[in-house]
Amino acid sequence: MTLTPKQIGRAAGRIFQSSIPINWAYRCQEDQEDYGVDAEIEIIGDDEKATGFIFKAQIKGQENVSIINGGDIASFSLSTERLNYYMNQLDVPIILVVVDVTTKSLLV
C-alpha cells in the first residue's frame, strides 16, 4: 500500500516522537504556521527540571529511504533556500531527521 504525503508525514512524526529519549520534552509545532520546523525539543535534567537547552527538529518522512555513501548517509532532497533558512536565520539549533516509515527507523 502506498501512503499519501500527509500519511507519511503523520507516521514520521509519530515514529520520531516514540523514538526520542525520555529526557527530551517534545513540543509539536506542526499545528502552528509551518516554516519547516515540526517540533521543539527541550532537554530535561536528571532532577526532572528543564535545562533551558532547546533545539528544533525538522522531520522528513519517506518510504524506503535510500542510504548512500556506504550506509552512512540518508538521501533526501532539501532546497538551498530551506537549508539557508535553517543555517542562517534560525536562532536555535535544528536537527534534520529522515524517518523511514517503512522500516520505522530514524536517520539523523
PDB file of N, CA and C in Angstrom:
ATOM      1  N   MET A   1       0.837  -1.181   0.000  1.00  0.00           N
ATOM      2  CA  MET A   1       0.000   0.000   0.000  1.00  0.00           C
ATOM      3  C   MET A   1       0.880   1.242   0.000  1.00  0.00           C
ATOM      4  N   THR A   2       0.620   2.150  -0.915  1.00  0.00           N
ATOM      5  CA  THR A   2       1.343   3.411  -0.990  1.00  0.00           C
ATOM      6  C   THR A   2       0.631   4.444  -0.125  1.00  0.00           C
ATOM      7  N   LEU A   3       1.409   5.143   0.679  1.00  0.00           N
ATOM      8  CA  LEU A   3       0.849   6.162   1.561  1.00  0.00           C
ATOM      9  C   LEU A   3       0.826   7.516   0.872  1.00  0.00           C
ATOM     10  N   THR A   4      -0.112   8.359   1.255  1.00  0.00           N
ATOM     11  CA  THR A   4      -0.150   9.728   0.752  1.00  0.00           C
ATOM     12  C   THR A   4       0.916  10.544   1.487  1.00  0.00           C
ATOM     13  N   PRO A   5       1.316  11.700   0.939  1.00  0.00           N
ATOM     14  CA  PRO A   5       2.290  12.543   1.646  1.00  0.00           C
ATOM     15  C   PRO A   5       1.850  12.924   3.068  1.00  0.00           C
ATOM     16  N   LYS A   6       0.581  13.201   3.261  1.00  0.00           N
ATOM     17  CA  LYS A   6       0.095  13.540   4.609  1.00  0.00           C
ATOM     18  C   LYS A   6       0.214  12.350   5.562  1.00  0.00           C
ATOM     19  N   GLN A   7      -0.107  11.149   5.069  1.00  0.00           N
ATOM     20  CA  GLN A   7       0.027   9.950   5.895  1.00  0.00           C
ATOM     21  C   GLN A   7       1.494   9.694   6.254  1.00  0.00           C
ATOM     22  N   ILE A   8       2.380   9.890   5.289  1.00  0.00           N
ATOM     23  CA  ILE A   8       3.814   9.731   5.549  1.00  0.00           C
ATOM     24  C   ILE A   8       4.266  10.723   6.614  1.00  0.00           C
ATOM     25  N   GLY A   9       3.826  11.975   6.509  1.00  0.00           N
ATOM     26  CA  GLY A   9       4.189  12.996   7.489  1.00  0.00           C
ATOM     27  C   GLY A   9       3.703  12.657   8.887  1.00  0.00           C
ATOM     28  N   ARG A  10       2.447  12.215   8.988  1.00  0.00           N
ATOM     29  CA  ARG A  10       1.914  11.832  10.300  1.00  0.00           C
ATOM     30  C   ARG A  10       2.665  10.640  10.879  1.00  0.00           C
ATOM     31  N   ALA A  11       2.913   9.644  10.054  1.00  0.00           N
ATOM     32  CA  ALA A  11       3.636   8.457  10.517  1.00  0.00           C
ATOM     33  C   ALA A  11       5.040   8.831  10.971  1.00  0.00           C
ATOM     34  N   ALA A  12       5.726   9.666  10.206  1.00  0.00           N
ATOM     35  CA  ALA A  12       7.091  10.073  10.554  1.00  0.00           C
ATOM     36  C   ALA A  12       7.123  10.805  11.892  1.00  0.00           C
ATOM     37  N   GLY A  13       6.170  11.702  12.115  1.00  0.00           N
ATOM     38  CA  GLY A  13       6.102  12.422  13.385  1.00  0.00           C
ATOM     39  C   GLY A  13       5.890  11.495  14.561  1.00  0.00           C
ATOM     40  N   ARG A  14       5.017  10.520  14.392  1.00  0.00           N
ATOM     41  CA  ARG A  14       4.743   9.564  15.473  1.00  0.00           C
ATOM     42  C   ARG A  14       5.936   8.660  15.745  1.00  0.00           C
ATOM     43  N   ILE A  15       6.611   8.228  14.683  1.00  0.00           N
ATOM     44  CA  ILE A  15       7.798   7.388  14.852  1.00  0.00           C
ATOM     45  C   ILE A  15       8.896   8.169  15.560  1.00  0.00           C
ATOM     46  N   PHE A  16       9.112   9.416  15.135  1.00  0.00           N
ATOM     47  CA  PHE A  16      10.139  10.251  15.773  1.00  0.00           C
ATOM     48  C   PHE A  16       9.834  10.432  17.251  1.00  0.00           C
ATOM     49  N   GLN A  17       8.617  10.844  17.569  1.00  0.00           N
ATOM     50  CA  GLN A  17       8.257  11.110  18.957  1.00  0.00           C
ATOM     51  C   GLN A  17       8.412   9.871  19.835  1.00  0.00           C
ATOM     52  N   SER A  18       8.072   8.699  19.302  1.00  0.00           N
ATOM     53  CA  SER A  18       8.179   7.480  20.115  1.00  0.00           C
ATOM     54  C   SER A  18       9.619   6.971  20.225  1.00  0.00           C
ATOM     55  N   SER A  19      10.526   7.525  19.428  1.00  0.00           N
ATOM     56  CA  SER A  19      11.903   7.048  19.404  1.00  0.00           C
ATOM     57  C   SER A  19      12.895   7.915  20.177  1.00  0.00           C
ATOM     58  N   ILE A  20      12.487   9.097  20.575  1.00  0.00           N
ATOM     59  CA  ILE A  20      13.429  10.006  21.227  1.00  0.00           C
ATOM     60  C   ILE A  20      13.625   9.633  22.704  1.00  0.00           C
ATOM     61  N   PRO A  21      14.737  10.068  23.282  1.00  0.00           N
ATOM     62  CA  PRO A  21      14.999   9.748  24.691  1.00  0.00           C
ATOM     63  C   PRO A  21      13.914  10.303  25.624  1.00  0.00           C
ATOM     64  N   ILE A  22      13.722   9.642  26.729  1.00  0.00           N
ATOM     65  CA  ILE A  22      12.683  10.007  27.698  1.00  0.00           C
ATOM     66  C   ILE A  22      12.945  11.381  28.320  1.00  0.00           C
ATOM     67  N   ASN A  23      14.203  11.823  28.317  1.00  0.00           N
ATOM     68  CA  ASN A  23      14.510  13.127  28.902  1.00  0.00           C
ATOM     69  C   ASN A  23      14.459  14.255  27.868  1.00  0.00           C
ATOM     70  N   TRP A  24      13.831  14.012  26.737  1.00  0.00           N
ATOM     71  CA  TRP A  24      13.566  15.062  25.762  1.00  0.00           C
ATOM     72  C   TRP A  24      12.088  15.430  25.854  1.00  0.00           C
ATOM     73  N   ALA A  25      11.797  16.671  26.223  1.00  0.00           N
ATOM     74  CA  ALA A  25      10.416  17.162  26.222  1.00  0.00           C
ATOM     75  C   ALA A  25      10.073  17.550  24.785  1.00  0.00           C
ATOM     76  N   TYR A  26       9.076  16.891  24.233  1.00  0.00           N
ATOM     77  CA  TYR A  26       8.679  17.068  22.830  1.00  0.00           C
ATOM     78  C   TYR A  26       7.513  18.040  22.756  1.00  0.00           C
ATOM     79  N   ARG A  27       7.665  19.080  21.960  1.00  0.00           N
ATOM     80  CA  ARG A  27       6.579  20.050  21.740  1.00  0.00           C
ATOM     81  C   ARG A  27       6.311  20.125  20.242  1.00  0.00           C
ATOM     82  N   CYS A  28       5.210  19.558  19.845  1.00  0.00           N
ATOM     83  CA  CYS A  28       4.842  19.540  18.431  1.00  0.00           C
ATOM     84  C   CYS A  28       4.570  20.961  17.954  1.00  0.00           C
ATOM     85  N   GLN A  29       5.053  21.286  16.772  1.00  0.00           N
ATOM     86  CA  GLN A  29       4.787  22.595  16.177  1.00  0.00           C
ATOM     87  C   GLN A  29       4.109  22.464  14.819  1.00  0.00           C
ATOM     88  N   GLU A  30       3.629  21.266  14.525  1.00  0.00           N
ATOM     89  CA  GLU A  30       3.004  21.030  13.231  1.00  0.00           C
ATOM     90  C   GLU A  30       1.678  21.763  13.070  1.00  0.00           C
ATOM     91  N   ASP A  31       0.982  22.028  14.155  1.00  0.00           N
ATOM     92  CA  ASP A  31      -0.308  22.710  14.045  1.00  0.00           C
ATOM     93  C   ASP A  31      -0.152  24.222  14.013  1.00  0.00           C
ATOM     94  N   GLN A  32       1.061  24.709  14.151  1.00  0.00           N
ATOM     95  CA  GLN A  32       1.330  26.136  14.063  1.00  0.00           C
ATOM     96  C   GLN A  32       1.706  26.454  12.625  1.00  0.00           C
ATOM     97  N   GLU A  33       1.903  27.729  12.322  1.00  0.00           N
ATOM     98  CA  GLU A  33       2.333  28.080  10.973  1.00  0.00           C
ATOM     99  C   GLU A  33       3.658  27.402  10.705  1.00  0.00           C
ATOM    100  N   ASP A  34       3.685  26.513   9.737  1.00  0.00           N
ATOM    101  CA  ASP A  34       4.843  25.670   9.481  1.00  0.00           C
ATOM    102  C   ASP A  34       5.796  26.347   8.507  1.00  0.00           C
ATOM    103  N   TYR A  35       6.950  26.693   9.012  1.00  0.00           N
ATOM    104  CA  TYR A  35       8.012  27.235   8.171  1.00  0.00           C
ATOM    105  C   TYR A  35       9.175  26.262   8.140  1.00  0.00           C
ATOM    106  N   GLY A  36       8.877  24.975   8.168  1.00  0.00           N
ATOM    107  CA  GLY A  36       9.917  23.974   8.077  1.00  0.00           C
ATOM    108  C   GLY A  36      10.426  23.501   9.417  1.00  0.00           C
ATOM    109  N   VAL A  37       9.660  23.738  10.480  1.00  0.00           N
ATOM    110  CA  VAL A  37      10.034  23.247  11.805  1.00  0.00           C
ATOM    111  C   VAL A  37       8.838  22.464  12.342  1.00  0.00           C
ATOM    112  N   ASP A  38       9.079  21.186  12.638  1.00  0.00           N
ATOM    113  CA  ASP A  38       7.988  20.317  13.068  1.00  0.00           C
ATOM    114  C   ASP A  38       7.859  20.185  14.576  1.00  0.00           C
ATOM    115  N   ALA A  39       8.973  20.380  15.293  1.00  0.00           N
ATOM    116  CA  ALA A  39       8.940  20.168  16.739  1.00  0.00           C
ATOM    117  C   ALA A  39      10.000  21.012  17.427  1.00  0.00           C
ATOM    118  N   GLU A  40       9.730  21.260  18.694  1.00  0.00           N
ATOM    119  CA  GLU A  40      10.714  21.884  19.576  1.00  0.00           C
ATOM    120  C   GLU A  40      11.012  20.859  20.663  1.00  0.00           C
ATOM    121  N   ILE A  41      12.280  20.721  20.984  1.00  0.00           N
ATOM    122  CA  ILE A  41      12.723  19.754  21.990  1.00  0.00           C
ATOM    123  C   ILE A  41      13.461  20.511  23.080  1.00  0.00           C
ATOM    124  N   GLU A  42      13.175  20.182  24.331  1.00  0.00           N
ATOM    125  CA  GLU A  42      13.954  20.712  25.447  1.00  0.00           C
ATOM    126  C   GLU A  42      14.474  19.535  26.251  1.00  0.00           C
ATOM    127  N   ILE A  43      15.751  19.594  26.576  1.00  0.00           N
ATOM    128  CA  ILE A  43      16.373  18.543  27.363  1.00  0.00           C
ATOM    129  C   ILE A  43      15.984  18.734  28.831  1.00  0.00           C
ATOM    130  N   ILE A  44      15.548  17.659  29.464  1.00  0.00           N
ATOM    131  CA  ILE A  44      15.163  17.662  30.873  1.00  0.00           C
ATOM    132  C   ILE A  44      16.277  16.988  31.669  1.00  0.00           C
ATOM    133  N   GLY A  45      16.691  17.612  32.767  1.00  0.00           N
ATOM    134  CA  GLY A  45      17.771  17.072  33.586  1.00  0.00           C
ATOM    135  C   GLY A  45      17.351  15.874  34.416  1.00  0.00           C
ATOM    136  N   ASP A  46      18.347  15.241  35.020  1.00  0.00           N
ATOM    137  CA  ASP A  46      18.078  14.071  35.868  1.00  0.00           C
ATOM    138  C   ASP A  46      17.177  14.413  37.053  1.00  0.00           C
ATOM    139  N   ASP A  47      17.176  15.694  37.451  1.00  0.00           N
ATOM    140  CA  ASP A  47      16.344  16.141  38.564  1.00  0.00           C
ATOM    141  C   ASP A  47      14.929  16.508  38.115  1.00  0.00           C
ATOM    142  N   GLU A  48      14.606  16.178  36.849  1.00  0.00           N
ATOM    143  CA  GLU A  48      13.296  16.457  36.251  1.00  0.00           C
ATOM    144  C   GLU A  48      13.027  17.954  36.101  1.00  0.00           C
ATOM    145  N   LYS A  49      14.078  18.755  36.026  1.00  0.00           N
ATOM    146  CA  LYS A  49      13.941  20.187  35.776  1.00  0.00           C
ATOM    147  C   LYS A  49      14.394  20.497  34.358  1.00  0.00           C
ATOM    148  N   ALA A  50      13.712  21.448  33.741  1.00  0.00           N
ATOM    149  CA  ALA A  50      14.084  21.866  32.395  1.00  0.00           C
ATOM    150  C   ALA A  50      15.469  22.495  32.435  1.00  0.00           C
ATOM    151  N   THR A  51      16.293  22.153  31.448  1.00  0.00           N
ATOM    152  CA  THR A  51      17.656  22.673  31.412  1.00  0.00           C
ATOM    153  C   THR A  51      17.760  23.988  30.655  1.00  0.00           C
ATOM    154  N   GLY A  52      16.758  24.311  29.862  1.00  0.00           N
ATOM    155  CA  GLY A  52      16.837  25.501  29.024  1.00  0.00           C
ATOM    156  C   GLY A  52      17.536  25.241  27.704  1.00  0.00           C
ATOM    157  N   PHE A  53      18.080  24.026  27.524  1.00  0.00           N
ATOM    158  CA  PHE A  53      18.689  23.681  26.241  1.00  0.00           C
ATOM    159  C   PHE A  53      17.578  23.247  25.301  1.00  0.00           C
ATOM    160  N   ILE A  54      17.308  24.091  24.315  1.00  0.00           N
ATOM    161  CA  ILE A  54      16.203  23.885  23.388  1.00  0.00           C
ATOM    162  C   ILE A  54      16.738  23.835  21.964  1.00  0.00           C
ATOM    163  N   PHE A  55      16.194  22.924  21.186  1.00  0.00           N
ATOM    164  CA  PHE A  55      16.503  22.889  19.762  1.00  0.00           C
ATOM    165  C   PHE A  55      15.247  22.511  18.994  1.00  0.00           C
ATOM    166  N   LYS A  56      15.284  22.735  17.711  1.00  0.00           N
ATOM    167  CA  LYS A  56      14.155  22.446  16.833  1.00  0.00           C
ATOM    168  C   LYS A  56      14.436  21.171  16.043  1.00  0.00           C
ATOM    169  N   ALA A  57      13.382  20.573  15.514  1.00  0.00           N
ATOM    170  CA  ALA A  57      13.520  19.381  14.687  1.00  0.00           C
ATOM    171  C   ALA A  57      12.665  19.524  13.433  1.00  0.00           C
ATOM    172  N   GLN A  58      13.261  19.225  12.306  1.00  0.00           N
ATOM    173  CA  GLN A  58      12.536  19.119  11.044  1.00  0.00           C
ATOM    174  C   GLN A  58      12.519  17.645  10.680  1.00  0.00           C
ATOM    175  N   ILE A  59      11.340  17.083  10.565  1.00  0.00           N
ATOM    176  CA  ILE A  59      11.173  15.652  10.346  1.00  0.00           C
ATOM    177  C   ILE A  59      10.748  15.422   8.899  1.00  0.00           C
ATOM    178  N   LYS A  60      11.550  14.650   8.182  1.00  0.00           N
ATOM    179  CA  LYS A  60      11.259  14.319   6.786  1.00  0.00           C
ATOM    180  C   LYS A  60      10.926  12.841   6.705  1.00  0.00           C
ATOM    181  N   GLY A  61       9.688  12.523   6.446  1.00  0.00           N
ATOM    182  CA  GLY A  61       9.281  11.139   6.305  1.00  0.00           C
ATOM    183  C   GLY A  61       9.368  10.685   4.861  1.00  0.00           C
ATOM    184  N   GLN A  62       9.839   9.460   4.677  1.00  0.00           N
ATOM    185  CA  GLN A  62       9.916   8.856   3.350  1.00  0.00           C
ATOM    186  C   GLN A  62       9.658   7.360   3.463  1.00  0.00           C
ATOM    187  N   GLU A  63       9.143   6.798   2.387  1.00  0.00           N
ATOM    188  CA  GLU A  63       9.049   5.343   2.289  1.00  0.00           C
ATOM    189  C   GLU A  63      10.351   4.846   1.669  1.00  0.00           C
ATOM    190  N   ASN A  64      10.911   3.785   2.212  1.00  0.00           N
ATOM    191  CA  ASN A  64      12.102   3.149   1.648  1.00  0.00           C
ATOM    192  C   ASN A  64      13.222   4.154   1.364  1.00  0.00           C
ATOM    193  N   VAL A  65      13.760   4.746   2.396  1.00  0.00           N
ATOM    194  CA  VAL A  65      14.821   5.747   2.277  1.00  0.00           C
ATOM    195  C   VAL A  65      16.051   5.135   1.622  1.00  0.00           C
ATOM    196  N   SER A  66      16.637   5.881   0.698  1.00  0.00           N
ATOM    197  CA  SER A  66      17.881   5.448   0.052  1.00  0.00           C
ATOM    198  C   SER A  66      19.054   5.798   0.957  1.00  0.00           C
ATOM    199  N   ILE A  67      19.889   4.800   1.227  1.00  0.00           N
ATOM    200  CA  ILE A  67      21.085   5.003   2.034  1.00  0.00           C
ATOM    201  C   ILE A  67      22.281   4.995   1.083  1.00  0.00           C
ATOM    202  N   ILE A  68      23.109   6.034   1.179  1.00  0.00           N
ATOM    203  CA  ILE A  68      24.249   6.172   0.273  1.00  0.00           C
ATOM    204  C   ILE A  68      25.543   6.286   1.062  1.00  0.00           C
ATOM    205  N   ASN A  69      26.633   6.419   0.355  1.00  0.00           N
ATOM    206  CA  ASN A  69      27.958   6.612   0.947  1.00  0.00           C
ATOM    207  C   ASN A  69      28.328   5.464   1.885  1.00  0.00           C
ATOM    208  N   GLY A  70      28.128   4.249   1.426  1.00  0.00           N
ATOM    209  CA  GLY A  70      28.493   3.090   2.222  1.00  0.00           C
ATOM    210  C   GLY A  70      27.627   2.879   3.452  1.00  0.00           C
ATOM    211  N   GLY A  71      26.409   3.415   3.423  1.00  0.00           N
ATOM    212  CA  GLY A  71      25.494   3.218   4.540  1.00  0.00           C
ATOM    213  C   GLY A  71      25.542   4.293   5.595  1.00  0.00           C
ATOM    214  N   ASP A  72      26.249   5.393   5.320  1.00  0.00           N
ATOM    215  CA  ASP A  72      26.413   6.455   6.311  1.00  0.00           C
ATOM    216  C   ASP A  72      25.436   7.618   6.167  1.00  0.00           C
ATOM    217  N   ILE A  73      24.831   7.771   5.000  1.00  0.00           N
ATOM    218  CA  ILE A  73      24.037   8.968   4.725  1.00  0.00           C
ATOM    219  C   ILE A  73      22.684   8.584   4.133  1.00  0.00           C
ATOM    220  N   ALA A  74      21.636   9.227   4.640  1.00  0.00           N
ATOM    221  CA  ALA A  74      20.299   9.075   4.061  1.00  0.00           C
ATOM    222  C   ALA A  74      20.147  10.115   2.962  1.00  0.00           C
ATOM    223  N   SER A  75      19.631   9.698   1.830  1.00  0.00           N
ATOM    224  CA  SER A  75      19.453  10.595   0.699  1.00  0.00           C
ATOM    225  C   SER A  75      18.040  11.177   0.709  1.00  0.00           C
ATOM    226  N   PHE A  76      17.957  12.507   0.705  1.00  0.00           N
ATOM    227  CA  PHE A  76      16.672  13.171   0.549  1.00  0.00           C
ATOM    228  C   PHE A  76      16.914  14.574   0.022  1.00  0.00           C
ATOM    229  N   SER A  77      15.887  15.174  -0.553  1.00  0.00           N
ATOM    230  CA  SER A  77      16.019  16.496  -1.166  1.00  0.00           C
ATOM    231  C   SER A  77      15.709  17.596  -0.169  1.00  0.00           C
ATOM    232  N   LEU A  78      16.492  18.655  -0.259  1.00  0.00           N
ATOM    233  CA  LEU A  78      16.284  19.847   0.561  1.00  0.00           C
ATOM    234  C   LEU A  78      16.734  21.031  -0.273  1.00  0.00           C
ATOM    235  N   SER A  79      15.856  22.000  -0.458  1.00  0.00           N
ATOM    236  CA  SER A  79      16.214  23.145  -1.299  1.00  0.00           C
ATOM    237  C   SER A  79      17.298  23.991  -0.619  1.00  0.00           C
ATOM    238  N   THR A  80      18.078  24.678  -1.425  1.00  0.00           N
ATOM    239  CA  THR A  80      19.107  25.553  -0.857  1.00  0.00           C
ATOM    240  C   THR A  80      18.476  26.703  -0.074  1.00  0.00           C
ATOM    241  N   GLU A  81      17.297  27.139  -0.491  1.00  0.00           N
ATOM    242  CA  GLU A  81      16.584  28.186   0.251  1.00  0.00           C
ATOM    243  C   GLU A  81      16.231  27.713   1.657  1.00  0.00           C
ATOM    244  N   ARG A  82      15.739  26.474   1.765  1.00  0.00           N
ATOM    245  CA  ARG A  82      15.370  25.911   3.072  1.00  0.00           C
ATOM    246  C   ARG A  82      16.618  25.700   3.927  1.00  0.00           C
ATOM    247  N   LEU A  83      17.684  25.187   3.318  1.00  0.00           N
ATOM    248  CA  LEU A  83      18.936  24.983   4.041  1.00  0.00           C
ATOM    249  C   LEU A  83      19.487  26.310   4.550  1.00  0.00           C
ATOM    250  N   ASN A  84      19.421  27.347   3.739  1.00  0.00           N
ATOM    251  CA  ASN A  84      19.860  28.678   4.155  1.00  0.00           C
ATOM    252  C   ASN A  84      19.052  29.169   5.350  1.00  0.00           C
ATOM    253  N   TYR A  85      17.740  28.944   5.317  1.00  0.00           N
ATOM    254  CA  TYR A  85      16.881  29.323   6.437  1.00  0.00           C
ATOM    255  C   TYR A  85      17.328  28.627   7.720  1.00  0.00           C
ATOM    256  N   TYR A  86      17.555  27.321   7.639  1.00  0.00           N
ATOM    257  CA  TYR A  86      17.981  26.561   8.818  1.00  0.00           C
ATOM    258  C   TYR A  86      19.330  27.036   9.351  1.00  0.00           C
ATOM    259  N   MET A  87      20.262  27.290   8.454  1.00  0.00           N
ATOM    260  CA  MET A  87      21.625  27.605   8.867  1.00  0.00           C
ATOM    261  C   MET A  87      21.842  29.072   9.236  1.00  0.00           C
ATOM    262  N   ASN A  88      21.093  29.979   8.612  1.00  0.00           N
ATOM    263  CA  ASN A  88      21.404  31.396   8.781  1.00  0.00           C
ATOM    264  C   ASN A  88      20.303  32.246   9.404  1.00  0.00           C
ATOM    265  N   GLN A  89      19.089  31.727   9.502  1.00  0.00           N
ATOM    266  CA  GLN A  89      18.004  32.551  10.008  1.00  0.00           C
ATOM    267  C   GLN A  89      17.439  32.087  11.336  1.00  0.00           C
ATOM    268  N   LEU A  90      17.566  30.829  11.652  1.00  0.00           N
ATOM    269  CA  LEU A  90      17.079  30.350  12.945  1.00  0.00           C
ATOM    270  C   LEU A  90      18.077  30.719  14.040  1.00  0.00           C
ATOM    271  N   ASP A  91      17.568  31.129  15.183  1.00  0.00           N
ATOM    272  CA  ASP A  91      18.428  31.490  16.307  1.00  0.00           C
ATOM    273  C   ASP A  91      18.679  30.329  17.259  1.00  0.00           C
ATOM    274  N   VAL A  92      18.104  29.178  16.967  1.00  0.00           N
ATOM    275  CA  VAL A  92      18.299  27.995  17.810  1.00  0.00           C
ATOM    276  C   VAL A  92      18.802  26.855  16.931  1.00  0.00           C
ATOM    277  N   PRO A  93      19.490  25.889  17.528  1.00  0.00           N
ATOM    278  CA  PRO A  93      19.950  24.738  16.741  1.00  0.00           C
ATOM    279  C   PRO A  93      18.763  23.947  16.189  1.00  0.00           C
ATOM    280  N   ILE A  94      19.001  23.304  15.065  1.00  0.00           N
ATOM    281  CA  ILE A  94      17.970  22.455  14.456  1.00  0.00           C
ATOM    282  C   ILE A  94      18.610  21.147  14.011  1.00  0.00           C
ATOM    283  N   ILE A  95      17.859  20.057  14.175  1.00  0.00           N
ATOM    284  CA  ILE A  95      18.300  18.778  13.637  1.00  0.00           C
ATOM    285  C   ILE A  95      17.353  18.408  12.502  1.00  0.00           C
ATOM    286  N   LEU A  96      17.917  17.827  11.472  1.00  0.00           N
ATOM    287  CA  LEU A  96      17.128  17.322  10.358  1.00  0.00           C
ATOM    288  C   LEU A  96      17.073  15.809  10.514  1.00  0.00           C
ATOM    289  N   VAL A  97      15.877  15.274  10.554  1.00  0.00           N
ATOM    290  CA  VAL A  97      15.694  13.848  10.793  1.00  0.00           C
ATOM    291  C   VAL A  97      14.931  13.249   9.616  1.00  0.00           C
ATOM    292  N   VAL A  98      15.510  12.219   9.014  1.00  0.00           N
ATOM    293  CA  VAL A  98      14.812  11.469   7.981  1.00  0.00           C
ATOM    294  C   VAL A  98      14.252  10.222   8.657  1.00  0.00           C
ATOM    295  N   VAL A  99      12.961  10.024   8.499  1.00  0.00           N
ATOM    296  CA  VAL A  99      12.296   8.858   9.076  1.00  0.00           C
ATOM    297  C   VAL A  99      11.848   7.946   7.946  1.00  0.00           C
ATOM    298  N   ASP A 100      12.330   6.724   7.971  1.00  0.00           N
ATOM    299  CA  ASP A 100      11.875   5.718   7.022  1.00  0.00           C
ATOM    300  C   ASP A 100      10.606   5.094   7.611  1.00  0.00           C
ATOM    301  N   VAL A 101       9.465   5.457   7.035  1.00  0.00           N
ATOM    302  CA  VAL A 101       8.195   4.966   7.607  1.00  0.00           C
ATOM    303  C   VAL A 101       7.965   3.489   7.286  1.00  0.00           C
ATOM    304  N   THR A 102       8.731   2.938   6.347  1.00  0.00           N
ATOM    305  CA  THR A 102       8.609   1.514   6.022  1.00  0.00           C
ATOM    306  C   THR A 102       9.280   0.661   7.095  1.00  0.00           C
ATOM    307  N   THR A 103      10.512   1.062   7.474  1.00  0.00           N
ATOM    308  CA  THR A 103      11.260   0.297   8.476  1.00  0.00           C
ATOM    309  C   THR A 103      11.129   0.884   9.892  1.00  0.00           C
ATOM    310  N   LYS A 104      10.472   2.043   9.983  1.00  0.00           N
ATOM    311  CA  LYS A 104      10.285   2.762  11.243  1.00  0.00           C
ATOM    312  C   LYS A 104      11.619   3.086  11.903  1.00  0.00           C
ATOM    313  N   SER A 105      12.565   3.559  11.091  1.00  0.00           N
ATOM    314  CA  SER A 105      13.884   3.912  11.617  1.00  0.00           C
ATOM    315  C   SER A 105      14.176   5.387  11.375  1.00  0.00           C
ATOM    316  N   LEU A 106      14.990   5.957  12.281  1.00  0.00           N
ATOM    317  CA  LEU A 106      15.399   7.356  12.211  1.00  0.00           C
ATOM    318  C   LEU A 106      16.807   7.451  11.672  1.00  0.00           C
ATOM    319  N   LEU A 107      17.036   8.466  10.852  1.00  0.00           N
ATOM    320  CA  LEU A 107      18.362   8.745  10.322  1.00  0.00           C
ATOM    321  C   LEU A 107      18.614  10.234  10.561  1.00  0.00           C
ATOM    322  N   VAL A 108      19.536  10.541  11.460  1.00  0.00           N
ATOM    323  CA  VAL A 108      19.782  11.939  11.847  1.00  0.00           C
ATOM    324  C   VAL A 108      21.067  12.408  11.235  1.00  0.00           C
TER     325      VAL A 108
END
